[in-house]
């Protein structure tokens, strides 16, 4: 067998091992957080040698970045597609929050891993929060939102999103009616941005009902 035939198989095996390590770490991070984990525990869960771990990752922080980035990009792509062509900042915000909450409901392990690994998660200036910041600025300019300041609005929205996401993804204490709860949280976040209760509730219901239907398709 020539070298060209061997390389793709070797690459596939490497990618598979990389994915197995990340998947095992996702589960452990979701359960216990990154700081409480050791490399030995991660390699045992992934059923790989410690040397194999260091073939793929420089250290635990490198692994954490890989986990967080993989999940975050997946979720961001979903939100971007959902909001494509939508100009209303309030509906965009409802879609973004509802996408996160639907993810937490349907993929709780990955959601908890993401929420535990977001660097600067509530920093209003960090690049990963640029989307939320942009929608808030658009909403203020369009007089859709009424807020004290952009920074406080970003932090408040992120706090609501992260705390509700952790609650919805808590396997030990399941939310009895997760989609109803998520709808109420989305509405609360929109009210905090200055929407009237009736308008906030209407948009929250539209967004969460759409996300729920998407899960059955």
N, C-alpha and C. Protein backbone atom coordinates (compact mmCIF):
# COMPACT_ATOMS: atom_id res chain seq x y z
N UNK A 1 0.86 -1.20 0.00
CA UNK A 1 0.00 0.00 0.00
C UNK A 1 0.89 1.24 0.00
N UNK A 2 0.59 2.18 -0.88
CA UNK A 2 1.45 3.36 -0.96
C UNK A 2 1.14 4.37 0.14
N UNK A 3 2.04 5.35 0.27
CA UNK A 3 1.94 6.33 1.35
C UNK A 3 0.67 7.17 1.21
N UNK A 4 0.24 7.48 -0.02
CA UNK A 4 -0.94 8.30 -0.24
C UNK A 4 -2.19 7.63 0.29
N UNK A 5 -2.24 6.30 0.21
CA UNK A 5 -3.39 5.56 0.71
C UNK A 5 -3.40 5.50 2.22
N UNK A 6 -2.22 5.50 2.83
CA UNK A 6 -2.12 5.41 4.29
C UNK A 6 -2.49 6.72 4.95
N UNK A 7 -2.09 7.83 4.36
CA UNK A 7 -2.28 9.13 5.00
C UNK A 7 -3.73 9.46 5.34
N UNK A 8 -4.69 9.28 4.41
CA UNK A 8 -6.08 9.61 4.76
C UNK A 8 -6.59 8.77 5.93
N UNK A 9 -6.25 7.49 5.98
CA UNK A 9 -6.69 6.63 7.07
C UNK A 9 -6.08 7.08 8.39
N UNK A 10 -4.81 7.45 8.36
CA UNK A 10 -4.14 7.96 9.56
C UNK A 10 -4.78 9.25 10.03
N UNK A 11 -5.10 10.11 9.08
CA UNK A 11 -5.74 11.38 9.42
C UNK A 11 -7.12 11.16 10.02
N UNK A 12 -7.87 10.23 9.45
CA UNK A 12 -9.21 9.93 9.99
C UNK A 12 -9.12 9.40 11.40
N UNK A 13 -8.15 8.55 11.66
CA UNK A 13 -7.97 8.01 13.01
C UNK A 13 -7.61 9.12 13.99
N UNK A 14 -6.74 10.03 13.55
CA UNK A 14 -6.34 11.14 14.41
C UNK A 14 -7.54 12.03 14.73
N UNK A 15 -8.33 12.31 13.71
CA UNK A 15 -9.52 13.15 13.91
C UNK A 15 -10.53 12.46 14.83
N UNK A 16 -10.66 11.15 14.67
CA UNK A 16 -11.59 10.40 15.52
C UNK A 16 -11.13 10.43 16.97
N UNK A 17 -9.84 10.22 17.20
CA UNK A 17 -9.30 10.26 18.56
C UNK A 17 -9.47 11.65 19.16
N UNK A 18 -9.20 12.67 18.37
CA UNK A 18 -9.35 14.06 18.81
C UNK A 18 -10.80 14.30 19.26
N UNK A 19 -11.74 13.83 18.44
CA UNK A 19 -13.15 13.99 18.77
C UNK A 19 -13.56 13.24 20.02
N UNK A 20 -12.99 12.06 20.23
CA UNK A 20 -13.32 11.26 21.41
C UNK A 20 -12.82 11.93 22.69
N UNK A 21 -11.65 12.54 22.62
CA UNK A 21 -11.11 13.25 23.79
C UNK A 21 -11.99 14.46 24.11
N UNK A 22 -12.34 15.21 23.08
CA UNK A 22 -13.18 16.40 23.29
C UNK A 22 -14.54 16.01 23.84
N UNK A 23 -15.14 14.96 23.29
CA UNK A 23 -16.47 14.52 23.75
C UNK A 23 -16.43 14.07 25.21
N UNK A 24 -15.40 13.32 25.57
CA UNK A 24 -15.28 12.87 26.95
C UNK A 24 -15.07 14.05 27.90
N UNK A 25 -14.25 14.99 27.48
CA UNK A 25 -13.99 16.18 28.30
C UNK A 25 -15.24 17.04 28.43
N UNK A 26 -16.03 17.12 27.37
CA UNK A 26 -17.29 17.88 27.42
C UNK A 26 -18.17 17.36 28.56
N UNK A 27 -18.30 16.04 28.63
CA UNK A 27 -19.16 15.44 29.67
C UNK A 27 -18.62 15.75 31.06
N UNK A 28 -17.32 15.61 31.24
CA UNK A 28 -16.73 15.84 32.55
C UNK A 28 -16.80 17.32 32.96
N UNK A 29 -16.55 18.20 32.01
CA UNK A 29 -16.61 19.64 32.29
C UNK A 29 -18.03 20.03 32.66
N UNK A 30 -19.02 19.48 31.96
CA UNK A 30 -20.42 19.78 32.25
C UNK A 30 -20.80 19.36 33.66
N UNK A 31 -20.23 18.24 34.10
CA UNK A 31 -20.57 17.71 35.42
C UNK A 31 -19.84 18.43 36.55
N UNK A 32 -18.55 18.76 36.32
CA UNK A 32 -17.72 19.20 37.44
C UNK A 32 -16.98 20.51 37.22
N UNK A 33 -16.94 20.99 36.00
CA UNK A 33 -16.14 22.17 35.71
C UNK A 33 -14.72 21.78 35.36
N UNK A 34 -14.01 22.66 34.71
CA UNK A 34 -12.67 22.34 34.22
C UNK A 34 -11.64 22.26 35.33
N UNK A 35 -11.69 23.17 36.29
CA UNK A 35 -10.64 23.25 37.31
C UNK A 35 -10.55 21.98 38.14
N UNK A 36 -11.68 21.29 38.32
CA UNK A 36 -11.69 20.10 39.17
C UNK A 36 -11.16 18.86 38.45
N UNK A 37 -10.90 18.96 37.17
CA UNK A 37 -10.50 17.79 36.39
C UNK A 37 -8.99 17.69 36.26
N UNK A 38 -8.52 16.45 36.18
CA UNK A 38 -7.11 16.19 35.89
C UNK A 38 -6.99 15.59 34.49
N UNK A 39 -5.80 15.67 33.92
CA UNK A 39 -5.57 15.07 32.61
C UNK A 39 -5.81 13.57 32.68
N UNK A 40 -5.44 12.94 33.78
CA UNK A 40 -5.64 11.50 33.93
C UNK A 40 -7.11 11.13 33.86
N UNK A 41 -7.95 11.93 34.49
CA UNK A 41 -9.39 11.65 34.46
C UNK A 41 -9.95 11.79 33.04
N UNK A 42 -9.45 12.78 32.32
CA UNK A 42 -9.92 12.99 30.95
C UNK A 42 -9.50 11.84 30.05
N UNK A 43 -8.23 11.42 30.17
CA UNK A 43 -7.75 10.33 29.31
C UNK A 43 -8.42 9.01 29.67
N UNK A 44 -8.72 8.81 30.95
CA UNK A 44 -9.42 7.59 31.34
C UNK A 44 -10.83 7.57 30.75
N UNK A 45 -11.52 8.71 30.81
CA UNK A 45 -12.87 8.79 30.27
C UNK A 45 -12.87 8.59 28.75
N UNK A 46 -11.82 9.08 28.09
CA UNK A 46 -11.73 8.95 26.63
C UNK A 46 -11.10 7.63 26.20
N UNK A 47 -10.57 6.88 27.19
CA UNK A 47 -9.91 5.60 26.93
C UNK A 47 -8.72 5.77 25.98
N UNK A 48 -7.88 6.77 26.30
CA UNK A 48 -6.65 6.98 25.53
C UNK A 48 -5.49 7.13 26.50
N UNK A 49 -4.29 6.95 26.00
CA UNK A 49 -3.10 7.11 26.81
C UNK A 49 -2.83 8.59 27.05
N UNK A 50 -2.11 8.88 28.13
CA UNK A 50 -1.79 10.27 28.45
C UNK A 50 -0.94 10.90 27.35
N UNK A 51 -0.04 10.11 26.78
CA UNK A 51 0.78 10.61 25.69
C UNK A 51 -0.06 11.00 24.48
N UNK A 52 -1.13 10.25 24.26
CA UNK A 52 -2.03 10.56 23.15
C UNK A 52 -2.69 11.91 23.36
N UNK A 53 -3.05 12.19 24.61
CA UNK A 53 -3.66 13.49 24.92
C UNK A 53 -2.74 14.62 24.48
N UNK A 54 -1.46 14.51 24.83
CA UNK A 54 -0.52 15.58 24.52
C UNK A 54 -0.13 15.63 23.05
N UNK A 55 -0.48 14.59 22.31
CA UNK A 55 -0.32 14.64 20.86
C UNK A 55 -1.33 15.60 20.23
N UNK A 56 -2.48 15.72 20.91
CA UNK A 56 -3.58 16.54 20.37
C UNK A 56 -3.70 17.90 21.03
N UNK A 57 -3.29 18.00 22.31
CA UNK A 57 -3.48 19.24 23.06
C UNK A 57 -2.24 19.57 23.87
N UNK A 58 -1.92 20.87 23.94
CA UNK A 58 -0.75 21.29 24.69
C UNK A 58 -0.96 21.13 26.19
N UNK A 59 -2.17 21.42 26.65
CA UNK A 59 -2.50 21.33 28.06
C UNK A 59 -4.02 21.36 28.22
N UNK A 60 -4.48 21.43 29.45
CA UNK A 60 -5.91 21.42 29.72
C UNK A 60 -6.60 22.66 29.19
N UNK A 61 -5.91 23.79 29.24
CA UNK A 61 -6.49 25.03 28.72
C UNK A 61 -6.69 24.95 27.21
N UNK A 62 -5.76 24.30 26.53
CA UNK A 62 -5.87 24.12 25.09
C UNK A 62 -7.09 23.26 24.75
N UNK A 63 -7.30 22.22 25.54
CA UNK A 63 -8.48 21.37 25.37
C UNK A 63 -9.76 22.16 25.63
N UNK A 64 -9.76 22.95 26.69
CA UNK A 64 -10.94 23.76 27.04
C UNK A 64 -11.30 24.69 25.89
N UNK A 65 -10.28 25.30 25.29
CA UNK A 65 -10.52 26.21 24.17
C UNK A 65 -11.13 25.47 22.99
N UNK A 66 -10.67 24.24 22.76
CA UNK A 66 -11.20 23.44 21.66
C UNK A 66 -12.66 23.09 21.90
N UNK A 67 -12.99 22.72 23.14
CA UNK A 67 -14.38 22.38 23.48
C UNK A 67 -15.28 23.60 23.31
N UNK A 68 -14.89 24.68 23.96
CA UNK A 68 -15.72 25.88 23.92
C UNK A 68 -15.89 26.41 22.51
N UNK A 69 -14.82 26.40 21.74
CA UNK A 69 -14.88 26.95 20.39
C UNK A 69 -15.77 26.09 19.50
N UNK A 70 -15.66 24.78 19.62
CA UNK A 70 -16.46 23.89 18.76
C UNK A 70 -17.95 24.07 19.01
N UNK A 71 -18.34 24.12 20.28
CA UNK A 71 -19.75 24.26 20.60
C UNK A 71 -20.24 25.67 20.27
N UNK A 72 -19.43 26.67 20.59
CA UNK A 72 -19.83 28.06 20.36
C UNK A 72 -20.04 28.34 18.88
N UNK A 73 -19.13 27.87 18.04
CA UNK A 73 -19.26 28.10 16.59
C UNK A 73 -20.52 27.45 16.06
N UNK A 74 -20.80 26.24 16.54
CA UNK A 74 -22.01 25.54 16.12
C UNK A 74 -23.27 26.33 16.48
N UNK A 75 -23.31 26.85 17.71
CA UNK A 75 -24.47 27.60 18.16
C UNK A 75 -24.56 28.95 17.44
N UNK A 76 -23.44 29.62 17.28
CA UNK A 76 -23.44 30.91 16.59
C UNK A 76 -23.89 30.77 15.15
N UNK A 77 -23.48 29.70 14.48
CA UNK A 77 -23.91 29.47 13.10
C UNK A 77 -25.43 29.29 13.04
N UNK A 78 -25.97 28.59 14.03
CA UNK A 78 -27.42 28.39 14.09
C UNK A 78 -28.14 29.72 14.27
N UNK A 79 -27.66 30.55 15.17
CA UNK A 79 -28.30 31.84 15.44
C UNK A 79 -28.18 32.76 14.23
N UNK A 80 -27.02 32.76 13.59
CA UNK A 80 -26.82 33.59 12.39
C UNK A 80 -27.79 33.20 11.29
N UNK A 81 -27.97 31.90 11.08
CA UNK A 81 -28.90 31.42 10.06
C UNK A 81 -30.33 31.79 10.41
N UNK A 82 -30.68 31.67 11.69
CA UNK A 82 -32.03 31.99 12.14
C UNK A 82 -32.36 33.46 11.94
N UNK A 83 -31.39 34.32 12.16
CA UNK A 83 -31.61 35.76 12.08
C UNK A 83 -31.32 36.35 10.69
N UNK A 84 -30.99 35.51 9.75
CA UNK A 84 -30.70 35.99 8.41
C UNK A 84 -31.92 36.72 7.83
N UNK A 85 -31.74 37.98 7.46
CA UNK A 85 -32.82 38.76 6.86
C UNK A 85 -33.75 39.43 7.85
N UNK A 86 -33.53 39.23 9.15
CA UNK A 86 -34.39 39.83 10.16
C UNK A 86 -33.77 41.14 10.65
N UNK A 87 -34.54 42.23 10.56
CA UNK A 87 -34.03 43.54 10.94
C UNK A 87 -34.44 43.95 12.35
N UNK A 88 -35.56 43.45 12.84
CA UNK A 88 -36.05 43.84 14.16
C UNK A 88 -35.12 43.33 15.26
N UNK A 89 -34.49 44.25 15.99
CA UNK A 89 -33.51 43.86 17.02
C UNK A 89 -34.15 43.03 18.12
N UNK A 90 -35.41 43.29 18.44
CA UNK A 90 -36.08 42.54 19.50
C UNK A 90 -36.30 41.09 19.09
N UNK A 91 -36.71 40.88 17.85
CA UNK A 91 -36.90 39.51 17.37
C UNK A 91 -35.55 38.80 17.24
N UNK A 92 -34.53 39.52 16.80
CA UNK A 92 -33.19 38.94 16.72
C UNK A 92 -32.72 38.48 18.10
N UNK A 93 -32.96 39.32 19.11
CA UNK A 93 -32.58 38.96 20.47
C UNK A 93 -33.37 37.74 20.95
N UNK A 94 -34.67 37.73 20.66
CA UNK A 94 -35.50 36.59 21.05
C UNK A 94 -35.03 35.31 20.38
N UNK A 95 -34.64 35.41 19.12
CA UNK A 95 -34.14 34.24 18.40
C UNK A 95 -32.82 33.74 18.97
N UNK A 96 -31.95 34.68 19.32
CA UNK A 96 -30.66 34.29 19.89
C UNK A 96 -30.82 33.59 21.23
N UNK A 97 -31.61 34.18 22.11
CA UNK A 97 -31.83 33.59 23.43
C UNK A 97 -32.56 32.26 23.31
N UNK A 98 -33.56 32.19 22.46
CA UNK A 98 -34.33 30.95 22.33
C UNK A 98 -33.47 29.83 21.75
N UNK A 99 -32.53 30.18 20.88
CA UNK A 99 -31.63 29.16 20.32
C UNK A 99 -30.73 28.59 21.41
N UNK A 100 -30.22 29.45 22.27
CA UNK A 100 -29.39 28.99 23.39
C UNK A 100 -30.21 28.09 24.32
N UNK A 101 -31.43 28.51 24.64
CA UNK A 101 -32.24 27.75 25.59
C UNK A 101 -32.69 26.42 25.00
N UNK A 102 -33.01 26.40 23.70
CA UNK A 102 -33.38 25.13 23.06
C UNK A 102 -32.18 24.19 23.05
N UNK A 103 -31.00 24.74 22.85
CA UNK A 103 -29.76 23.95 22.89
C UNK A 103 -29.56 23.36 24.29
N UNK A 104 -29.82 24.18 25.31
CA UNK A 104 -29.67 23.71 26.69
C UNK A 104 -30.67 22.61 27.02
N UNK A 105 -31.86 22.70 26.45
CA UNK A 105 -32.90 21.70 26.70
C UNK A 105 -32.59 20.39 25.99
N UNK A 106 -32.16 20.47 24.75
CA UNK A 106 -31.97 19.27 23.93
C UNK A 106 -30.57 18.67 24.03
N UNK A 107 -29.57 19.51 24.36
CA UNK A 107 -28.20 19.02 24.48
C UNK A 107 -27.58 19.56 25.78
N UNK A 108 -28.13 19.13 26.92
CA UNK A 108 -27.72 19.72 28.20
C UNK A 108 -26.24 19.55 28.54
N UNK A 109 -25.67 18.42 28.19
CA UNK A 109 -24.26 18.20 28.52
C UNK A 109 -23.37 19.20 27.78
N UNK A 110 -23.62 19.35 26.49
CA UNK A 110 -22.79 20.27 25.70
C UNK A 110 -23.06 21.72 26.10
N UNK A 111 -24.31 22.02 26.44
CA UNK A 111 -24.65 23.39 26.84
C UNK A 111 -23.93 23.77 28.13
N UNK A 112 -23.92 22.86 29.10
CA UNK A 112 -23.24 23.16 30.37
C UNK A 112 -21.73 23.30 30.16
N UNK A 113 -21.18 22.47 29.29
CA UNK A 113 -19.75 22.60 28.99
C UNK A 113 -19.46 23.96 28.38
N UNK A 114 -20.31 24.39 27.45
CA UNK A 114 -20.10 25.69 26.82
C UNK A 114 -20.19 26.81 27.85
N UNK A 115 -21.22 26.79 28.68
CA UNK A 115 -21.44 27.87 29.64
C UNK A 115 -20.34 27.92 30.70
N UNK A 116 -19.73 26.78 30.99
CA UNK A 116 -18.64 26.75 31.96
C UNK A 116 -17.30 27.20 31.36
N UNK A 117 -17.22 27.17 30.04
CA UNK A 117 -15.92 27.41 29.40
C UNK A 117 -15.85 28.72 28.64
N UNK A 118 -16.90 29.53 28.69
CA UNK A 118 -16.87 30.80 27.96
C UNK A 118 -15.90 31.76 28.63
N UNK A 119 -14.79 32.13 27.96
CA UNK A 119 -13.85 33.08 28.55
C UNK A 119 -14.44 34.49 28.50
N UNK A 120 -14.41 35.19 29.63
CA UNK A 120 -14.97 36.53 29.66
C UNK A 120 -16.44 36.54 29.32
N UNK A 121 -17.16 35.53 29.82
CA UNK A 121 -18.55 35.32 29.44
C UNK A 121 -19.45 36.52 29.62
N UNK A 122 -19.25 37.30 30.67
CA UNK A 122 -20.11 38.46 30.91
C UNK A 122 -19.37 39.79 30.71
N UNK A 123 -18.25 39.74 30.03
CA UNK A 123 -17.52 40.96 29.70
C UNK A 123 -18.20 41.61 28.50
N UNK A 124 -18.74 42.82 28.65
CA UNK A 124 -19.48 43.43 27.53
C UNK A 124 -18.62 43.79 26.33
N UNK A 125 -17.28 43.78 26.51
CA UNK A 125 -16.40 44.19 25.42
C UNK A 125 -15.70 43.02 24.73
N UNK A 126 -15.85 41.80 25.26
CA UNK A 126 -15.14 40.67 24.67
C UNK A 126 -15.72 40.35 23.29
N UNK A 127 -14.90 39.93 22.34
CA UNK A 127 -15.36 39.68 20.97
C UNK A 127 -16.50 38.67 20.87
N UNK A 128 -16.54 37.68 21.77
CA UNK A 128 -17.59 36.67 21.66
C UNK A 128 -18.97 37.24 21.95
N UNK A 129 -19.03 38.41 22.57
CA UNK A 129 -20.32 39.04 22.86
C UNK A 129 -20.66 40.16 21.88
N UNK A 130 -19.93 40.21 20.78
CA UNK A 130 -20.13 41.27 19.79
C UNK A 130 -21.52 41.20 19.17
N UNK A 131 -22.05 40.00 18.98
CA UNK A 131 -23.36 39.85 18.36
C UNK A 131 -24.46 40.44 19.22
N UNK A 132 -24.44 40.12 20.51
CA UNK A 132 -25.43 40.67 21.43
C UNK A 132 -25.29 42.18 21.51
N UNK A 133 -24.07 42.64 21.61
CA UNK A 133 -23.83 44.09 21.69
C UNK A 133 -24.36 44.80 20.45
N UNK A 134 -24.10 44.22 19.29
CA UNK A 134 -24.55 44.82 18.04
C UNK A 134 -26.07 44.91 17.98
N UNK A 135 -26.76 43.84 18.36
CA UNK A 135 -28.22 43.85 18.34
C UNK A 135 -28.79 44.88 19.31
N UNK A 136 -28.15 45.04 20.47
CA UNK A 136 -28.61 46.03 21.44
C UNK A 136 -28.42 47.44 20.89
N UNK A 137 -27.28 47.70 20.27
CA UNK A 137 -27.02 49.02 19.67
C UNK A 137 -28.06 49.30 18.58
N UNK A 138 -28.34 48.31 17.75
CA UNK A 138 -29.33 48.48 16.69
C UNK A 138 -30.70 48.78 17.29
N UNK A 139 -31.04 48.05 18.36
CA UNK A 139 -32.32 48.26 19.01
C UNK A 139 -32.47 49.63 19.62
N UNK A 140 -31.40 50.14 20.18
CA UNK A 140 -31.43 51.49 20.77
C UNK A 140 -31.60 52.54 19.67
N UNK A 141 -30.84 52.41 18.59
CA UNK A 141 -30.92 53.37 17.49
C UNK A 141 -32.31 53.38 16.86
N UNK A 142 -32.94 52.19 16.82
CA UNK A 142 -34.28 52.09 16.23
C UNK A 142 -35.37 52.42 17.24
N UNK A 143 -34.95 52.80 18.45
CA UNK A 143 -35.88 53.11 19.54
C UNK A 143 -36.76 51.90 19.90
N UNK A 144 -36.21 50.72 19.66
CA UNK A 144 -36.87 49.47 20.04
C UNK A 144 -36.55 49.12 21.49
N UNK A 145 -35.34 49.46 21.90
CA UNK A 145 -34.89 49.22 23.26
C UNK A 145 -34.74 50.55 24.00
N UNK A 146 -34.99 50.51 25.29
CA UNK A 146 -34.79 51.69 26.15
C UNK A 146 -33.98 51.23 27.35
N UNK A 147 -32.70 51.62 27.38
CA UNK A 147 -31.77 51.10 28.38
C UNK A 147 -30.96 52.22 29.02
N UNK A 148 -30.35 51.91 30.17
CA UNK A 148 -29.49 52.89 30.84
C UNK A 148 -28.19 53.09 30.08
N UNK A 149 -27.59 51.98 29.62
CA UNK A 149 -26.37 52.04 28.83
C UNK A 149 -26.21 50.72 28.10
N UNK A 150 -25.42 50.73 27.04
CA UNK A 150 -25.20 49.50 26.27
C UNK A 150 -24.49 48.46 27.12
N UNK A 151 -23.48 48.87 27.87
CA UNK A 151 -22.73 47.92 28.69
C UNK A 151 -23.61 47.22 29.72
N UNK A 152 -24.44 47.98 30.41
CA UNK A 152 -25.30 47.35 31.42
C UNK A 152 -26.32 46.43 30.76
N UNK A 153 -26.81 46.81 29.59
CA UNK A 153 -27.76 45.96 28.87
C UNK A 153 -27.11 44.65 28.43
N UNK A 154 -25.88 44.74 27.95
CA UNK A 154 -25.16 43.53 27.52
C UNK A 154 -24.94 42.60 28.71
N UNK A 155 -24.44 43.16 29.82
CA UNK A 155 -24.17 42.34 31.01
C UNK A 155 -25.46 41.72 31.56
N UNK A 156 -26.53 42.51 31.60
CA UNK A 156 -27.80 41.99 32.10
C UNK A 156 -28.32 40.86 31.23
N UNK A 157 -28.28 41.05 29.92
CA UNK A 157 -28.77 40.02 28.99
C UNK A 157 -27.93 38.76 29.09
N UNK A 158 -26.61 38.92 29.18
CA UNK A 158 -25.72 37.76 29.30
C UNK A 158 -25.96 37.02 30.62
N UNK A 159 -26.17 37.78 31.69
CA UNK A 159 -26.44 37.15 32.98
C UNK A 159 -27.70 36.32 32.95
N UNK A 160 -28.74 36.87 32.35
CA UNK A 160 -30.01 36.13 32.21
C UNK A 160 -29.80 34.89 31.37
N UNK A 161 -29.11 35.05 30.24
CA UNK A 161 -28.90 33.92 29.32
C UNK A 161 -28.09 32.80 29.97
N UNK A 162 -27.01 33.15 30.65
CA UNK A 162 -26.14 32.13 31.23
C UNK A 162 -26.79 31.42 32.41
N UNK A 163 -27.45 32.18 33.28
CA UNK A 163 -28.08 31.55 34.45
C UNK A 163 -29.24 30.67 34.03
N UNK A 164 -30.06 31.14 33.08
CA UNK A 164 -31.18 30.31 32.61
C UNK A 164 -30.67 29.09 31.85
N UNK A 165 -29.60 29.27 31.08
CA UNK A 165 -29.02 28.14 30.36
C UNK A 165 -28.51 27.06 31.30
N UNK A 166 -27.86 27.47 32.38
CA UNK A 166 -27.39 26.50 33.37
C UNK A 166 -28.56 25.79 34.05
N UNK A 167 -29.61 26.53 34.35
CA UNK A 167 -30.78 25.93 34.99
C UNK A 167 -31.46 24.92 34.06
N UNK A 168 -31.63 25.29 32.81
CA UNK A 168 -32.31 24.41 31.85
C UNK A 168 -31.49 23.15 31.54
N UNK A 169 -30.18 23.23 31.69
CA UNK A 169 -29.31 22.08 31.36
C UNK A 169 -28.93 21.26 32.60
N UNK A 170 -29.53 21.56 33.73
CA UNK A 170 -29.22 20.85 34.97
C UNK A 170 -29.96 19.51 35.00
N UNK A 171 -29.23 18.44 34.71
CA UNK A 171 -29.84 17.11 34.65
C UNK A 171 -30.31 16.62 36.01
N UNK A 172 -29.70 17.12 37.07
CA UNK A 172 -30.06 16.68 38.42
C UNK A 172 -31.37 17.30 38.89
N UNK A 173 -31.68 18.48 38.39
CA UNK A 173 -32.92 19.18 38.78
C UNK A 173 -33.62 19.67 37.52
N UNK A 174 -34.31 18.76 36.87
CA UNK A 174 -34.97 19.04 35.61
C UNK A 174 -36.07 20.09 35.77
N UNK A 175 -36.15 21.00 34.83
CA UNK A 175 -37.25 21.96 34.79
C UNK A 175 -38.47 21.23 34.25
N UNK A 176 -39.57 21.31 34.95
CA UNK A 176 -40.75 20.51 34.60
C UNK A 176 -41.34 20.89 33.23
N UNK A 177 -41.39 22.17 32.93
CA UNK A 177 -41.90 22.64 31.63
C UNK A 177 -40.84 23.55 31.01
N UNK A 178 -39.78 22.96 30.46
CA UNK A 178 -38.63 23.76 30.04
C UNK A 178 -38.93 24.81 28.97
N UNK A 179 -39.78 24.50 28.02
CA UNK A 179 -40.06 25.46 26.96
C UNK A 179 -40.90 26.63 27.47
N UNK A 180 -41.79 26.34 28.40
CA UNK A 180 -42.57 27.42 29.02
C UNK A 180 -41.65 28.32 29.84
N UNK A 181 -40.78 27.68 30.64
CA UNK A 181 -39.83 28.46 31.44
C UNK A 181 -38.94 29.31 30.53
N UNK A 182 -38.43 28.71 29.45
CA UNK A 182 -37.55 29.43 28.54
C UNK A 182 -38.28 30.61 27.90
N UNK A 183 -39.54 30.42 27.56
CA UNK A 183 -40.34 31.51 26.99
C UNK A 183 -40.45 32.66 27.97
N UNK A 184 -40.68 32.35 29.22
CA UNK A 184 -40.80 33.38 30.25
C UNK A 184 -39.47 34.12 30.45
N UNK A 185 -38.36 33.39 30.35
CA UNK A 185 -37.05 34.03 30.50
C UNK A 185 -36.77 34.97 29.33
N UNK A 186 -37.07 34.51 28.11
CA UNK A 186 -36.87 35.37 26.94
C UNK A 186 -37.70 36.65 27.08
N UNK A 187 -38.95 36.50 27.50
CA UNK A 187 -39.81 37.67 27.69
C UNK A 187 -39.25 38.61 28.76
N UNK A 188 -38.74 38.04 29.84
CA UNK A 188 -38.15 38.85 30.90
C UNK A 188 -36.94 39.62 30.40
N UNK A 189 -36.10 38.98 29.60
CA UNK A 189 -34.93 39.65 29.05
C UNK A 189 -35.34 40.81 28.13
N UNK A 190 -36.39 40.60 27.35
CA UNK A 190 -36.85 41.66 26.44
C UNK A 190 -37.46 42.82 27.21
N UNK A 191 -38.18 42.52 28.28
CA UNK A 191 -38.72 43.58 29.13
C UNK A 191 -37.58 44.39 29.74
N UNK A 192 -36.52 43.70 30.15
CA UNK A 192 -35.35 44.39 30.72
C UNK A 192 -34.71 45.33 29.71
N UNK A 193 -34.90 45.04 28.43
CA UNK A 193 -34.35 45.90 27.37
C UNK A 193 -35.31 47.03 27.00
N UNK A 194 -36.48 47.05 27.64
CA UNK A 194 -37.39 48.17 27.43
C UNK A 194 -38.68 47.87 26.70
N UNK A 195 -38.90 46.62 26.28
CA UNK A 195 -40.14 46.29 25.60
C UNK A 195 -41.31 46.23 26.58
N UNK A 196 -42.51 46.49 26.07
CA UNK A 196 -43.70 46.30 26.86
C UNK A 196 -43.92 44.81 27.08
N UNK A 197 -44.54 44.45 28.20
CA UNK A 197 -44.71 43.05 28.56
C UNK A 197 -45.43 42.27 27.46
N UNK A 198 -46.51 42.84 26.91
CA UNK A 198 -47.29 42.13 25.90
C UNK A 198 -46.45 41.84 24.66
N UNK A 199 -45.68 42.83 24.20
CA UNK A 199 -44.84 42.66 23.02
C UNK A 199 -43.73 41.65 23.30
N UNK A 200 -43.13 41.75 24.48
CA UNK A 200 -42.06 40.82 24.86
C UNK A 200 -42.56 39.39 24.91
N UNK A 201 -43.73 39.19 25.49
CA UNK A 201 -44.31 37.85 25.58
C UNK A 201 -44.65 37.29 24.20
N UNK A 202 -45.19 38.15 23.34
CA UNK A 202 -45.53 37.71 21.98
C UNK A 202 -44.28 37.23 21.23
N UNK A 203 -43.23 38.02 21.25
CA UNK A 203 -42.00 37.64 20.55
C UNK A 203 -41.35 36.41 21.17
N UNK A 204 -41.39 36.32 22.48
CA UNK A 204 -40.81 35.16 23.16
C UNK A 204 -41.54 33.88 22.77
N UNK A 205 -42.85 33.95 22.69
CA UNK A 205 -43.64 32.77 22.31
C UNK A 205 -43.35 32.36 20.87
N UNK A 206 -43.28 33.36 19.99
CA UNK A 206 -42.97 33.06 18.59
C UNK A 206 -41.62 32.35 18.48
N UNK A 207 -40.62 32.92 19.15
CA UNK A 207 -39.26 32.38 19.06
C UNK A 207 -39.16 30.98 19.65
N UNK A 208 -39.68 30.79 20.86
CA UNK A 208 -39.54 29.47 21.51
C UNK A 208 -40.41 28.42 20.82
N UNK A 209 -41.58 28.78 20.34
CA UNK A 209 -42.41 27.81 19.62
C UNK A 209 -41.74 27.37 18.33
N UNK A 210 -41.06 28.32 17.68
CA UNK A 210 -40.33 27.98 16.45
C UNK A 210 -39.17 27.05 16.76
N UNK A 211 -38.42 27.33 17.84
CA UNK A 211 -37.30 26.46 18.20
C UNK A 211 -37.81 25.06 18.56
N UNK A 212 -38.95 24.98 19.23
CA UNK A 212 -39.50 23.68 19.62
C UNK A 212 -39.91 22.88 18.39
N UNK A 213 -40.51 23.54 17.42
CA UNK A 213 -40.91 22.85 16.19
C UNK A 213 -39.68 22.37 15.42
N UNK A 214 -38.62 23.16 15.45
CA UNK A 214 -37.40 22.77 14.74
C UNK A 214 -36.82 21.48 15.30
N UNK A 215 -37.03 21.23 16.58
CA UNK A 215 -36.48 20.01 17.20
C UNK A 215 -37.19 18.75 16.71
N UNK A 216 -38.40 18.89 16.21
CA UNK A 216 -39.18 17.73 15.77
C UNK A 216 -39.05 17.49 14.28
N UNK A 217 -38.39 18.38 13.57
CA UNK A 217 -38.25 18.25 12.11
C UNK A 217 -37.07 17.37 11.74
